[in-house]
Amino acid sequence: MQASTVPPRRMVVGVSGASGVVYGVRLLQLLRQLEIETHLVMSRSAQVTLAHESDYNVADVRAMASVAYTNADIGAAISSGSFPVMGMIVAPCSIKTLSEIATGITSALLPRAADVMLKERRRLVLMVRETPLHLGHIRSMGAVTEAGAIVYPPVPAFYANPESIEDMVDHTLGRVLDLFGIDTGTVRRWGV
């Protein structure tokens, strides 16, 4: 019997400590609506940011995922290339996490799972949240891009005439999921 070469509808979601935790939370909600299995890993800093930026607690966010891991669980399924997934989105992605991925430092699960995406040539999208940028940040972005990742800062598209922050978040995440061939129905297409 030959194994299927089509990856299951399964996505790894990383949430790091950058501002913008709403992107990770809403991403989990959208993927659940689309019946895509999610595997979540949050950094310790993400948990702190969550407390500052939202009314959710860590248990609430973990419950939104199909499977949730601690960042210390480097033996988790998502740490292995033999575990088939569509790819990984880090939403938001801190400069610390970006730099770990860029240099191959995999002492925690979140950067390890991202490293697996790169080595297996799977799609990795990093929603980098930092501004302004210095040369070290830009070099790290260049390094992950050269390794195969997509750096996708969550920059709102105003041509969509958003009426709320939720509209901007949904449009941005819709465009991120477009990179995986997933249509959320939340993107107002240019010229359509």
N, C-alpha and C. Protein backbone atom coordinates (compact mmCIF):
# COMPACT_ATOMS: atom_id res chain seq x y z
N MET A 1 0.85 -1.18 0.00
CA MET A 1 0.00 0.00 0.00
C MET A 1 0.89 1.24 0.00
N GLN A 2 0.63 2.15 -0.91
CA GLN A 2 1.44 3.35 -1.03
C GLN A 2 0.85 4.47 -0.17
N ALA A 3 1.72 5.19 0.55
CA ALA A 3 1.29 6.30 1.40
C ALA A 3 0.85 7.47 0.52
N SER A 4 -0.10 8.22 1.01
CA SER A 4 -0.58 9.40 0.31
C SER A 4 0.49 10.49 0.34
N THR A 5 0.65 11.19 -0.78
CA THR A 5 1.59 12.31 -0.83
C THR A 5 0.89 13.64 -0.58
N VAL A 6 -0.42 13.58 -0.39
CA VAL A 6 -1.19 14.79 -0.11
C VAL A 6 -1.20 15.01 1.40
N PRO A 7 -0.67 16.14 1.86
CA PRO A 7 -0.67 16.36 3.31
C PRO A 7 -2.10 16.51 3.84
N PRO A 8 -2.33 16.05 5.05
CA PRO A 8 -3.66 16.23 5.64
C PRO A 8 -3.95 17.71 5.86
N ARG A 9 -5.21 18.03 6.03
CA ARG A 9 -5.60 19.42 6.32
C ARG A 9 -5.25 19.69 7.77
N ARG A 10 -3.96 19.96 7.97
CA ARG A 10 -3.39 20.12 9.30
C ARG A 10 -2.38 21.24 9.24
N MET A 11 -2.50 22.21 10.16
CA MET A 11 -1.62 23.39 10.16
C MET A 11 -1.01 23.57 11.55
N VAL A 12 0.27 23.90 11.58
CA VAL A 12 0.93 24.26 12.83
C VAL A 12 0.79 25.76 13.00
N VAL A 13 0.38 26.17 14.18
CA VAL A 13 0.24 27.59 14.51
C VAL A 13 1.17 27.89 15.68
N GLY A 14 2.10 28.81 15.45
CA GLY A 14 2.98 29.28 16.51
C GLY A 14 2.56 30.68 16.91
N VAL A 15 2.58 30.95 18.19
CA VAL A 15 2.28 32.29 18.69
C VAL A 15 3.45 32.69 19.57
N SER A 16 4.16 33.75 19.16
CA SER A 16 5.30 34.22 19.95
C SER A 16 4.90 35.49 20.70
N GLY A 17 5.85 36.09 21.38
CA GLY A 17 5.55 37.17 22.31
C GLY A 17 5.39 38.56 21.74
N ALA A 18 5.45 38.72 20.43
CA ALA A 18 5.28 40.04 19.85
C ALA A 18 3.86 40.56 20.08
N SER A 19 3.72 41.86 20.03
CA SER A 19 2.38 42.45 20.09
C SER A 19 1.60 41.99 18.86
N GLY A 20 0.30 41.79 19.05
CA GLY A 20 -0.54 41.34 17.95
C GLY A 20 -1.02 39.92 18.14
N VAL A 21 -1.17 39.49 19.38
CA VAL A 21 -1.61 38.13 19.68
C VAL A 21 -2.99 37.85 19.05
N VAL A 22 -3.74 38.91 18.75
CA VAL A 22 -5.04 38.74 18.09
C VAL A 22 -4.91 37.96 16.79
N TYR A 23 -3.77 38.09 16.10
CA TYR A 23 -3.58 37.35 14.84
C TYR A 23 -3.57 35.84 15.09
N GLY A 24 -2.88 35.40 16.11
CA GLY A 24 -2.84 33.97 16.42
C GLY A 24 -4.18 33.44 16.87
N VAL A 25 -4.86 34.20 17.72
CA VAL A 25 -6.17 33.78 18.22
C VAL A 25 -7.17 33.68 17.07
N ARG A 26 -7.23 34.71 16.26
CA ARG A 26 -8.20 34.71 15.15
C ARG A 26 -7.85 33.65 14.11
N LEU A 27 -6.56 33.41 13.90
CA LEU A 27 -6.14 32.36 12.97
C LEU A 27 -6.68 31.00 13.42
N LEU A 28 -6.57 30.70 14.70
CA LEU A 28 -7.11 29.44 15.22
C LEU A 28 -8.62 29.36 14.98
N GLN A 29 -9.33 30.46 15.19
CA GLN A 29 -10.78 30.48 14.97
C GLN A 29 -11.12 30.23 13.50
N LEU A 30 -10.41 30.91 12.59
CA LEU A 30 -10.67 30.74 11.16
C LEU A 30 -10.38 29.31 10.71
N LEU A 31 -9.27 28.75 11.15
CA LEU A 31 -8.92 27.39 10.75
C LEU A 31 -9.93 26.38 11.28
N ARG A 32 -10.44 26.61 12.47
CA ARG A 32 -11.47 25.72 13.01
C ARG A 32 -12.73 25.79 12.15
N GLN A 33 -13.14 27.01 11.77
CA GLN A 33 -14.31 27.17 10.90
C GLN A 33 -14.13 26.45 9.57
N LEU A 34 -12.89 26.40 9.09
CA LEU A 34 -12.57 25.74 7.82
C LEU A 34 -12.30 24.24 7.98
N GLU A 35 -12.47 23.74 9.20
CA GLU A 35 -12.26 22.33 9.54
C GLU A 35 -10.84 21.86 9.22
N ILE A 36 -9.89 22.73 9.54
CA ILE A 36 -8.47 22.39 9.41
C ILE A 36 -7.93 22.11 10.80
N GLU A 37 -7.33 20.95 10.96
CA GLU A 37 -6.76 20.55 12.24
C GLU A 37 -5.59 21.48 12.58
N THR A 38 -5.55 21.98 13.80
CA THR A 38 -4.49 22.91 14.21
C THR A 38 -3.66 22.32 15.34
N HIS A 39 -2.35 22.58 15.25
CA HIS A 39 -1.40 22.16 16.27
C HIS A 39 -0.72 23.43 16.76
N LEU A 40 -1.02 23.80 18.00
CA LEU A 40 -0.61 25.09 18.57
C LEU A 40 0.58 24.96 19.50
N VAL A 41 1.51 25.92 19.37
CA VAL A 41 2.58 26.09 20.34
C VAL A 41 2.73 27.58 20.60
N MET A 42 2.71 27.93 21.89
CA MET A 42 2.85 29.33 22.31
C MET A 42 4.12 29.47 23.14
N SER A 43 4.86 30.54 22.89
CA SER A 43 6.02 30.81 23.74
C SER A 43 5.53 31.36 25.09
N ARG A 44 6.41 31.35 26.06
CA ARG A 44 6.09 31.93 27.38
C ARG A 44 5.78 33.42 27.23
N SER A 45 6.54 34.10 26.39
CA SER A 45 6.29 35.53 26.16
C SER A 45 4.92 35.75 25.52
N ALA A 46 4.48 34.83 24.67
CA ALA A 46 3.15 34.94 24.06
C ALA A 46 2.07 34.89 25.13
N GLN A 47 2.28 34.07 26.13
CA GLN A 47 1.30 33.95 27.20
C GLN A 47 1.20 35.26 27.99
N VAL A 48 2.35 35.92 28.18
CA VAL A 48 2.35 37.21 28.87
C VAL A 48 1.64 38.26 28.00
N THR A 49 1.97 38.28 26.71
CA THR A 49 1.34 39.24 25.79
C THR A 49 -0.16 39.02 25.74
N LEU A 50 -0.58 37.77 25.72
CA LEU A 50 -2.01 37.43 25.70
C LEU A 50 -2.73 38.09 26.87
N ALA A 51 -2.14 38.03 28.05
CA ALA A 51 -2.75 38.63 29.24
C ALA A 51 -2.87 40.14 29.13
N HIS A 52 -1.92 40.77 28.44
CA HIS A 52 -1.93 42.23 28.29
C HIS A 52 -2.85 42.72 27.17
N GLU A 53 -3.01 41.92 26.14
CA GLU A 53 -3.69 42.39 24.93
C GLU A 53 -5.09 41.83 24.70
N SER A 54 -5.52 40.91 25.54
CA SER A 54 -6.83 40.30 25.27
C SER A 54 -7.52 39.91 26.57
N ASP A 55 -8.76 39.49 26.41
CA ASP A 55 -9.53 38.98 27.54
C ASP A 55 -9.43 37.46 27.63
N TYR A 56 -8.70 36.83 26.71
CA TYR A 56 -8.51 35.38 26.72
C TYR A 56 -7.43 35.00 27.72
N ASN A 57 -7.53 33.79 28.24
CA ASN A 57 -6.42 33.24 29.01
C ASN A 57 -5.81 32.10 28.20
N VAL A 58 -4.70 31.58 28.65
CA VAL A 58 -3.97 30.55 27.90
C VAL A 58 -4.85 29.33 27.66
N ALA A 59 -5.61 28.92 28.66
CA ALA A 59 -6.50 27.75 28.50
C ALA A 59 -7.54 27.99 27.41
N ASP A 60 -8.06 29.21 27.31
CA ASP A 60 -9.02 29.53 26.24
C ASP A 60 -8.40 29.32 24.87
N VAL A 61 -7.19 29.83 24.69
CA VAL A 61 -6.52 29.75 23.39
C VAL A 61 -6.14 28.31 23.08
N ARG A 62 -5.62 27.61 24.06
CA ARG A 62 -5.27 26.20 23.85
C ARG A 62 -6.50 25.38 23.46
N ALA A 63 -7.66 25.73 24.00
CA ALA A 63 -8.90 25.01 23.67
C ALA A 63 -9.36 25.28 22.24
N MET A 64 -8.90 26.37 21.63
CA MET A 64 -9.26 26.67 20.24
C MET A 64 -8.53 25.76 19.26
N ALA A 65 -7.42 25.17 19.69
CA ALA A 65 -6.61 24.32 18.83
C ALA A 65 -7.07 22.87 18.93
N SER A 66 -6.81 22.12 17.87
CA SER A 66 -7.09 20.68 17.91
C SER A 66 -6.15 19.99 18.88
N VAL A 67 -4.88 20.41 18.85
CA VAL A 67 -3.85 19.89 19.74
C VAL A 67 -2.98 21.07 20.17
N ALA A 68 -2.63 21.11 21.45
CA ALA A 68 -1.77 22.19 21.96
C ALA A 68 -0.59 21.57 22.69
N TYR A 69 0.58 22.16 22.48
CA TYR A 69 1.81 21.69 23.10
C TYR A 69 2.42 22.81 23.93
N THR A 70 3.22 22.43 24.91
CA THR A 70 4.01 23.44 25.61
C THR A 70 5.27 23.69 24.78
N ASN A 71 5.83 24.86 24.93
CA ASN A 71 7.02 25.22 24.17
C ASN A 71 8.24 24.39 24.60
N ALA A 72 8.17 23.78 25.77
CA ALA A 72 9.27 22.95 26.25
C ALA A 72 9.21 21.52 25.70
N ASP A 73 8.12 21.15 25.06
CA ASP A 73 7.91 19.78 24.59
C ASP A 73 8.60 19.55 23.25
N ILE A 74 9.92 19.47 23.27
CA ILE A 74 10.67 19.33 22.01
C ILE A 74 10.52 17.95 21.39
N GLY A 75 9.84 17.03 22.06
CA GLY A 75 9.56 15.71 21.50
C GLY A 75 8.16 15.62 20.91
N ALA A 76 7.47 16.74 20.78
CA ALA A 76 6.11 16.77 20.24
C ALA A 76 6.09 16.33 18.78
N ALA A 77 4.95 15.90 18.32
CA ALA A 77 4.80 15.45 16.93
C ALA A 77 5.29 16.49 15.93
N ILE A 78 5.02 17.77 16.20
CA ILE A 78 5.38 18.83 15.25
C ILE A 78 6.88 19.11 15.21
N SER A 79 7.65 18.42 16.05
CA SER A 79 9.11 18.59 16.02
C SER A 79 9.77 17.60 15.06
N SER A 80 8.95 16.80 14.37
CA SER A 80 9.49 15.80 13.46
C SER A 80 9.01 16.03 12.03
N GLY A 81 9.91 15.87 11.09
CA GLY A 81 9.56 15.98 9.68
C GLY A 81 8.68 14.84 9.21
N SER A 82 8.59 13.76 9.97
CA SER A 82 7.75 12.64 9.58
C SER A 82 6.27 12.88 9.89
N PHE A 83 5.98 13.97 10.59
CA PHE A 83 4.59 14.33 10.92
C PHE A 83 4.08 15.24 9.81
N PRO A 84 3.17 14.75 8.96
CA PRO A 84 2.75 15.54 7.79
C PRO A 84 1.81 16.69 8.14
N VAL A 85 2.14 17.86 7.64
CA VAL A 85 1.31 19.06 7.82
C VAL A 85 1.37 19.89 6.53
N MET A 86 0.41 20.80 6.39
CA MET A 86 0.40 21.72 5.26
C MET A 86 1.51 22.75 5.37
N GLY A 87 1.83 23.11 6.61
CA GLY A 87 2.83 24.12 6.87
C GLY A 87 2.63 24.72 8.24
N MET A 88 3.23 25.89 8.43
CA MET A 88 3.20 26.56 9.74
C MET A 88 3.10 28.06 9.55
N ILE A 89 2.33 28.68 10.43
CA ILE A 89 2.21 30.13 10.49
C ILE A 89 2.57 30.56 11.90
N VAL A 90 3.48 31.52 12.02
CA VAL A 90 3.80 32.10 13.32
C VAL A 90 3.15 33.47 13.35
N ALA A 91 2.12 33.59 14.20
CA ALA A 91 1.26 34.78 14.22
C ALA A 91 0.96 35.20 15.65
N PRO A 92 1.58 36.25 16.13
CA PRO A 92 2.62 37.06 15.51
C PRO A 92 3.99 36.41 15.70
N CYS A 93 4.96 36.91 14.99
CA CYS A 93 6.33 36.42 15.10
C CYS A 93 7.21 37.53 15.65
N SER A 94 7.79 37.29 16.80
CA SER A 94 8.70 38.28 17.40
C SER A 94 10.05 38.23 16.69
N ILE A 95 10.82 39.26 16.85
CA ILE A 95 12.17 39.29 16.30
C ILE A 95 13.02 38.20 16.95
N LYS A 96 12.80 37.93 18.22
CA LYS A 96 13.54 36.85 18.90
C LYS A 96 13.27 35.52 18.20
N THR A 97 12.00 35.22 17.95
CA THR A 97 11.65 33.96 17.28
C THR A 97 12.18 33.94 15.86
N LEU A 98 12.03 35.04 15.14
CA LEU A 98 12.58 35.15 13.78
C LEU A 98 14.08 34.85 13.80
N SER A 99 14.80 35.44 14.74
CA SER A 99 16.25 35.27 14.81
C SER A 99 16.64 33.83 15.15
N GLU A 100 15.87 33.20 16.04
CA GLU A 100 16.13 31.79 16.35
C GLU A 100 15.96 30.92 15.11
N ILE A 101 14.89 31.17 14.35
CA ILE A 101 14.63 30.41 13.14
C ILE A 101 15.74 30.67 12.11
N ALA A 102 16.13 31.93 11.97
CA ALA A 102 17.15 32.31 10.99
C ALA A 102 18.49 31.65 11.26
N THR A 103 18.79 31.41 12.53
CA THR A 103 20.09 30.85 12.90
C THR A 103 20.04 29.36 13.21
N GLY A 104 18.85 28.77 13.15
CA GLY A 104 18.72 27.34 13.42
C GLY A 104 18.79 26.98 14.89
N ILE A 105 18.55 27.95 15.77
CA ILE A 105 18.54 27.68 17.21
C ILE A 105 17.18 27.06 17.55
N THR A 106 17.21 25.79 17.97
CA THR A 106 15.94 25.08 18.16
C THR A 106 15.85 24.49 19.57
N SER A 107 16.10 25.31 20.56
CA SER A 107 16.08 24.84 21.94
C SER A 107 14.68 24.81 22.54
N ALA A 108 13.68 25.27 21.79
CA ALA A 108 12.28 25.22 22.22
C ALA A 108 11.45 24.73 21.04
N LEU A 109 10.23 24.32 21.32
CA LEU A 109 9.40 23.71 20.29
C LEU A 109 9.03 24.66 19.16
N LEU A 110 8.70 25.92 19.47
CA LEU A 110 8.26 26.83 18.42
C LEU A 110 9.33 26.98 17.32
N PRO A 111 10.57 27.36 17.66
CA PRO A 111 11.56 27.46 16.58
C PRO A 111 11.92 26.10 15.98
N ARG A 112 11.83 25.04 16.76
CA ARG A 112 12.11 23.69 16.23
C ARG A 112 11.08 23.33 15.17
N ALA A 113 9.80 23.56 15.44
CA ALA A 113 8.75 23.24 14.47
C ALA A 113 8.95 24.07 13.19
N ALA A 114 9.34 25.33 13.34
CA ALA A 114 9.61 26.17 12.17
C ALA A 114 10.81 25.63 11.40
N ASP A 115 11.83 25.20 12.10
CA ASP A 115 13.02 24.63 11.47
C ASP A 115 12.65 23.38 10.68
N VAL A 116 11.74 22.58 11.21
CA VAL A 116 11.28 21.39 10.51
C VAL A 116 10.60 21.77 9.19
N MET A 117 9.80 22.85 9.21
CA MET A 117 9.15 23.29 7.98
C MET A 117 10.20 23.62 6.92
N LEU A 118 11.26 24.31 7.33
CA LEU A 118 12.30 24.69 6.38
C LEU A 118 13.04 23.48 5.84
N LYS A 119 13.42 22.57 6.72
CA LYS A 119 14.20 21.42 6.26
C LYS A 119 13.37 20.47 5.40
N GLU A 120 12.07 20.43 5.63
CA GLU A 120 11.18 19.57 4.84
C GLU A 120 10.62 20.28 3.61
N ARG A 121 11.01 21.55 3.44
CA ARG A 121 10.56 22.36 2.30
C ARG A 121 9.04 22.55 2.31
N ARG A 122 8.52 22.75 3.51
CA ARG A 122 7.09 23.06 3.67
C ARG A 122 6.94 24.56 3.85
N ARG A 123 5.75 25.05 3.61
CA ARG A 123 5.50 26.49 3.71
C ARG A 123 5.59 26.94 5.17
N LEU A 124 6.34 28.01 5.38
CA LEU A 124 6.48 28.65 6.70
C LEU A 124 6.26 30.13 6.50
N VAL A 125 5.24 30.67 7.18
CA VAL A 125 4.92 32.09 7.09
C VAL A 125 5.13 32.72 8.46
N LEU A 126 5.94 33.77 8.49
CA LEU A 126 6.27 34.47 9.73
C LEU A 126 5.65 35.87 9.69
N MET A 127 4.67 36.09 10.53
CA MET A 127 4.01 37.39 10.60
C MET A 127 4.79 38.28 11.58
N VAL A 128 5.90 38.80 11.08
CA VAL A 128 6.85 39.56 11.91
C VAL A 128 6.23 40.88 12.34
N ARG A 129 6.26 41.12 13.66
CA ARG A 129 5.68 42.32 14.27
C ARG A 129 6.77 43.10 14.97
N GLU A 130 7.36 44.03 14.26
CA GLU A 130 8.36 44.92 14.85
C GLU A 130 8.51 46.13 13.96
N THR A 131 8.73 47.27 14.56
CA THR A 131 9.02 48.48 13.80
C THR A 131 9.53 49.54 14.74
N PRO A 132 10.47 50.36 14.34
CA PRO A 132 11.22 50.28 13.09
C PRO A 132 12.20 49.11 13.14
N LEU A 133 12.80 48.81 12.00
CA LEU A 133 13.71 47.70 11.87
C LEU A 133 15.15 48.20 11.79
N HIS A 134 16.06 47.49 12.46
CA HIS A 134 17.47 47.81 12.26
C HIS A 134 18.09 46.74 11.37
N LEU A 135 19.32 46.90 11.02
CA LEU A 135 19.97 46.03 10.05
C LEU A 135 19.98 44.56 10.49
N GLY A 136 20.14 44.31 11.78
CA GLY A 136 20.11 42.93 12.28
C GLY A 136 18.78 42.26 12.01
N HIS A 137 17.68 43.00 12.21
CA HIS A 137 16.34 42.47 11.91
C HIS A 137 16.23 42.13 10.43
N ILE A 138 16.66 43.06 9.60
CA ILE A 138 16.55 42.88 8.15
C ILE A 138 17.41 41.70 7.69
N ARG A 139 18.59 41.55 8.28
CA ARG A 139 19.43 40.41 7.92
C ARG A 139 18.78 39.09 8.33
N SER A 140 18.15 39.06 9.49
CA SER A 140 17.44 37.84 9.91
C SER A 140 16.28 37.54 8.96
N MET A 141 15.58 38.57 8.53
CA MET A 141 14.50 38.36 7.56
C MET A 141 15.05 37.82 6.25
N GLY A 142 16.19 38.36 5.83
CA GLY A 142 16.82 37.86 4.61
C GLY A 142 17.24 36.40 4.75
N ALA A 143 17.78 36.05 5.91
CA ALA A 143 18.25 34.68 6.14
C ALA A 143 17.09 33.68 6.09
N VAL A 144 15.97 34.01 6.74
CA VAL A 144 14.84 33.05 6.71
C VAL A 144 14.22 32.98 5.33
N THR A 145 14.22 34.10 4.61
CA THR A 145 13.71 34.09 3.24
C THR A 145 14.58 33.21 2.35
N GLU A 146 15.90 33.34 2.49
CA GLU A 146 16.81 32.49 1.72
C GLU A 146 16.63 31.02 2.06
N ALA A 147 16.24 30.73 3.30
CA ALA A 147 16.02 29.34 3.72
C ALA A 147 14.67 28.80 3.26
N GLY A 148 13.79 29.68 2.78
CA GLY A 148 12.51 29.23 2.24
C GLY A 148 11.28 29.75 2.93
N ALA A 149 11.42 30.52 4.00
CA ALA A 149 10.26 31.07 4.69
C ALA A 149 9.70 32.28 3.95
N ILE A 150 8.49 32.64 4.29
CA ILE A 150 7.87 33.86 3.79
C ILE A 150 7.70 34.80 4.97
N VAL A 151 8.29 35.98 4.86
CA VAL A 151 8.13 37.01 5.89
C VAL A 151 6.91 37.83 5.49
N TYR A 152 5.91 37.83 6.36
CA TYR A 152 4.64 38.49 6.05
C TYR A 152 4.25 39.41 7.20
N PRO A 153 4.81 40.62 7.24
CA PRO A 153 4.39 41.56 8.29
C PRO A 153 2.89 41.85 8.14
N PRO A 154 2.15 41.88 9.21
CA PRO A 154 0.70 42.11 9.12
C PRO A 154 0.39 43.59 8.85
N VAL A 155 0.54 43.97 7.61
CA VAL A 155 0.28 45.35 7.18
C VAL A 155 -1.14 45.41 6.63
N PRO A 156 -2.00 46.26 7.18
CA PRO A 156 -3.39 46.28 6.72
C PRO A 156 -3.53 46.81 5.29
N ALA A 157 -4.50 46.26 4.58
CA ALA A 157 -4.81 46.70 3.21
C ALA A 157 -6.01 47.64 3.29
N PHE A 158 -5.78 48.90 3.05
CA PHE A 158 -6.86 49.88 3.19
C PHE A 158 -7.77 49.93 1.97
N TYR A 159 -7.35 49.33 0.84
CA TYR A 159 -8.24 49.30 -0.33
C TYR A 159 -9.50 48.47 -0.04
N ALA A 160 -9.43 47.63 0.99
CA ALA A 160 -10.59 46.83 1.37
C ALA A 160 -11.62 47.63 2.17
N ASN A 161 -11.30 48.91 2.44
CA ASN A 161 -12.18 49.79 3.22
C ASN A 161 -12.64 49.15 4.53
N PRO A 162 -11.68 48.76 5.39
CA PRO A 162 -12.06 48.11 6.64
C PRO A 162 -12.86 49.05 7.54
N GLU A 163 -13.81 48.48 8.23
CA GLU A 163 -14.64 49.27 9.15
C GLU A 163 -14.26 49.02 10.60
N SER A 164 -13.39 48.05 10.83
CA SER A 164 -13.01 47.71 12.20
C SER A 164 -11.64 47.04 12.21
N ILE A 165 -11.08 46.92 13.39
CA ILE A 165 -9.83 46.17 13.55
C ILE A 165 -10.06 44.73 13.13
N GLU A 166 -11.20 44.18 13.47
CA GLU A 166 -11.52 42.80 13.10
C GLU A 166 -11.48 42.62 11.59
N ASP A 167 -12.01 43.59 10.84
CA ASP A 167 -11.95 43.53 9.37
C ASP A 167 -10.50 43.49 8.88
N MET A 168 -9.64 44.31 9.48
CA MET A 168 -8.23 44.35 9.07
C MET A 168 -7.53 43.04 9.39
N VAL A 169 -7.80 42.50 10.58
CA VAL A 169 -7.19 41.23 10.99
C VAL A 169 -7.65 40.11 10.06
N ASP A 170 -8.96 40.04 9.79
CA ASP A 170 -9.49 38.97 8.93
C ASP A 170 -8.94 39.07 7.52
N HIS A 171 -8.83 40.27 6.98
CA HIS A 171 -8.29 40.43 5.63
C HIS A 171 -6.83 39.97 5.59
N THR A 172 -6.04 40.39 6.56
CA THR A 172 -4.63 40.02 6.61
C THR A 172 -4.48 38.51 6.73
N LEU A 173 -5.23 37.89 7.63
CA LEU A 173 -5.13 36.44 7.79
C LEU A 173 -5.65 35.70 6.56
N GLY A 174 -6.66 36.27 5.91
CA GLY A 174 -7.14 35.68 4.67
C GLY A 174 -6.05 35.66 3.62
N ARG A 175 -5.28 36.73 3.54
CA ARG A 175 -4.18 36.79 2.57
C ARG A 175 -3.05 35.83 2.96
N VAL A 176 -2.80 35.67 4.25
CA VAL A 176 -1.80 34.70 4.70
C VAL A 176 -2.24 33.29 4.29
N LEU A 177 -3.51 32.97 4.53
CA LEU A 177 -4.00 31.63 4.19
C LEU A 177 -4.08 31.41 2.69
N ASP A 178 -4.21 32.49 1.92
CA ASP A 178 -4.11 32.38 0.46
C ASP A 178 -2.79 31.71 0.05
N LEU A 179 -1.73 31.96 0.82
CA LEU A 179 -0.42 31.39 0.51
C LEU A 179 -0.42 29.86 0.61
N PHE A 180 -1.42 29.31 1.27
CA PHE A 180 -1.58 27.85 1.40
C PHE A 180 -2.70 27.32 0.50
N GLY A 181 -3.27 28.20 -0.32
CA GLY A 181 -4.37 27.79 -1.18
C GLY A 181 -5.68 27.64 -0.42
N ILE A 182 -5.80 28.35 0.70
CA ILE A 182 -7.00 28.28 1.53
C ILE A 182 -7.75 29.60 1.42
N ASP A 183 -8.99 29.54 0.96
CA ASP A 183 -9.82 30.74 0.82
C ASP A 183 -10.76 30.84 2.02
N THR A 184 -10.57 31.88 2.81
CA THR A 184 -11.38 32.07 4.02
C THR A 184 -12.69 32.80 3.74
N GLY A 185 -12.76 33.45 2.59
CA GLY A 185 -13.92 34.29 2.31
C GLY A 185 -13.85 35.64 2.99
N THR A 186 -12.72 35.96 3.61
CA THR A 186 -12.56 37.22 4.35
C THR A 186 -11.78 38.28 3.57
N VAL A 187 -11.34 37.94 2.36
CA VAL A 187 -10.50 38.85 1.60
C VAL A 187 -11.35 39.56 0.54
N ARG A 188 -11.30 40.87 0.59
CA ARG A 188 -11.92 41.64 -0.49
C ARG A 188 -10.86 41.78 -1.57
N ARG A 189 -11.10 41.11 -2.68
CA ARG A 189 -10.10 41.01 -3.75
C ARG A 189 -10.04 42.31 -4.53
N TRP A 190 -8.82 42.72 -4.89
CA TRP A 190 -8.62 43.92 -5.69
C TRP A 190 -9.24 43.74 -7.06
N GLY A 191 -10.05 44.70 -7.50
CA GLY A 191 -10.65 44.66 -8.82
C GLY A 191 -11.83 43.73 -8.96
N VAL A 192 -12.29 43.17 -7.85
CA VAL A 192 -13.43 42.26 -7.91
C VAL A 192 -14.64 42.91 -7.26
